[in-house]
Protein backbone atom coordinates (compact mmCIF):
# COMPACT_ATOMS: atom_id res chain seq x y z
CA UNK A 1 -0.16 -0.13 -0.05
CA UNK A 2 1.62 3.24 -1.06
CA UNK A 3 1.32 6.78 0.58
CA UNK A 4 -1.40 7.85 -1.79
CA UNK A 5 -3.59 5.00 -0.83
CA UNK A 6 -2.85 5.57 2.86
CA UNK A 7 -3.95 9.08 2.52
CA UNK A 8 -7.06 8.00 0.98
CA UNK A 9 -7.89 5.70 3.56
CA UNK A 10 -7.09 8.25 6.27
CA UNK A 11 -9.55 10.87 4.44
CA UNK A 12 -12.33 8.23 4.42
CA UNK A 13 -11.81 7.61 8.02
CA UNK A 14 -11.73 11.07 8.75
CA UNK A 15 -14.86 11.94 6.83
CA UNK A 16 -16.80 9.31 9.13
CA UNK A 17 -15.74 10.95 12.28
CA UNK A 18 -12.67 8.47 13.39
CA UNK A 19 -9.63 10.11 14.67
CA UNK A 20 -6.10 8.38 13.81
CA UNK A 21 -4.64 7.47 17.04
CA UNK A 22 -1.63 5.12 16.80
CA UNK A 23 0.40 3.80 13.94
CA UNK A 24 1.89 0.31 13.67
CA UNK A 25 4.53 -0.45 11.28
CA UNK A 26 6.86 -3.15 10.61
CA UNK A 27 10.51 -2.16 10.23
CA UNK A 28 10.24 -3.15 6.57
CA UNK A 29 7.17 -0.78 6.03
CA UNK A 30 8.70 2.02 7.96
CA UNK A 31 11.17 2.58 5.25
CA UNK A 32 8.48 2.76 2.60
CA UNK A 33 6.18 5.43 4.28
CA UNK A 34 7.16 9.04 4.32
CA UNK A 35 4.80 10.53 6.67
CA UNK A 36 1.18 10.40 7.62
CA UNK A 37 -0.37 13.78 7.12
CA UNK A 38 -1.94 15.12 10.20
CA UNK A 39 -0.42 12.82 12.57
CA UNK A 40 1.50 14.13 15.23
CA UNK A 41 1.51 11.15 17.58
CA UNK A 42 4.50 8.41 17.79
CA UNK A 43 4.63 5.88 15.06
CA UNK A 44 5.58 2.38 16.33
CA UNK A 45 8.18 1.12 13.59
CA UNK A 46 9.10 -2.24 15.47
CA UNK A 47 5.44 -3.72 15.16
CA UNK A 48 4.80 -7.05 14.13
CA UNK A 49 2.10 -5.85 11.51
CA UNK A 50 1.29 -2.84 9.64
CA UNK A 51 -1.96 -1.19 10.73
CA UNK A 52 -3.60 1.99 11.90
CA UNK A 53 -5.53 2.44 15.20
CA UNK A 54 -8.52 4.71 14.81
CA UNK A 55 -10.94 5.76 17.56
CA UNK A 56 -14.45 7.71 17.97
CA UNK A 57 -17.15 8.23 20.48
CA UNK A 58 -20.32 6.04 20.17
CA UNK A 59 -23.70 7.55 20.61
CA UNK A 60 -24.03 5.29 23.64
CA UNK A 61 -20.91 7.13 25.50
CA UNK A 62 -18.60 4.30 24.74
CA UNK A 63 -15.56 4.73 22.72
CA UNK A 64 -14.88 2.34 19.71
CA UNK A 65 -11.36 1.67 18.50
CA UNK A 66 -10.67 0.13 15.32
CA UNK A 67 -7.46 -1.39 14.11
CA UNK A 68 -7.11 -1.31 10.13
CA UNK A 69 -4.58 -3.41 8.23
CA UNK A 70 -2.55 -1.36 5.84
CA UNK A 71 -3.14 -3.58 2.71
CA UNK A 72 -5.23 -3.37 -0.63
CA UNK A 73 -7.61 -5.81 0.81
CA UNK A 74 -9.59 -4.08 3.92
CA UNK A 75 -9.46 -5.88 7.04
CA UNK A 76 -10.35 -4.39 10.57
CA UNK A 77 -11.19 -5.35 14.13
CA UNK A 78 -13.24 -3.30 16.47
CA UNK A 79 -12.92 -2.84 20.21
CA UNK A 80 -15.65 -1.24 22.16
CA UNK A 81 -14.73 0.31 25.35
CA UNK A 82 -16.24 2.01 28.32
CA UNK A 83 -15.28 5.99 28.63
CA UNK A 84 -13.82 5.47 32.00
CA UNK A 85 -11.60 2.62 30.88
CA UNK A 86 -8.26 2.77 32.43
CA UNK A 87 -5.00 3.02 30.63
CA UNK A 88 -4.23 -0.70 31.65
CA UNK A 89 -7.60 -1.84 30.27
CA UNK A 90 -7.24 0.08 27.19
CA UNK A 91 -3.70 -1.35 26.61
CA UNK A 92 -4.74 -4.78 27.33
CA UNK A 93 -7.67 -4.49 24.96
CA UNK A 94 -5.79 -2.97 22.04
CA UNK A 95 -2.91 -5.44 22.34
CA UNK A 96 -5.44 -8.43 22.11
CA UNK A 97 -6.93 -7.07 19.10
CA UNK A 98 -3.29 -6.47 17.46
CA UNK A 99 -2.97 -10.19 18.30
CA UNK A 100 -6.01 -11.31 16.92
CA UNK A 101 -5.33 -9.46 13.80
CA UNK A 102 -2.07 -10.92 13.41
CA UNK A 103 -3.23 -14.59 13.81
CA UNK A 104 -6.30 -13.78 11.13
CA UNK A 105 -3.55 -12.50 8.93
CA UNK A 106 -1.18 -15.55 9.16
CA UNK A 107 -4.10 -17.77 8.60
CA UNK A 108 -5.00 -16.11 5.38
CA UNK A 109 -1.57 -16.28 4.06
CA UNK A 110 -1.21 -19.96 4.80
């Protein structure tokens, strides 16, 4: 997936109220991407998968977090958390989703 495709995906998420929160890149992919427009947060360049984390508030007061794999074939997982979720709970939930995505991608490549 090239920079232009990533920019288009970011625009689509932004138009739908999602905020880019985290960027996960393998060391290989980190060399391919120049920068992500509008993202001021840290980019993890030692990740096991290439993915973007987005979040947005839901009407029921909870917060949806979506991890979107960076590939031409759309694949995403969603975690919904209570607004008062602590940092530990947030990190556990997001880490678990990353593991599930990695496992799903491995099964797909078999």
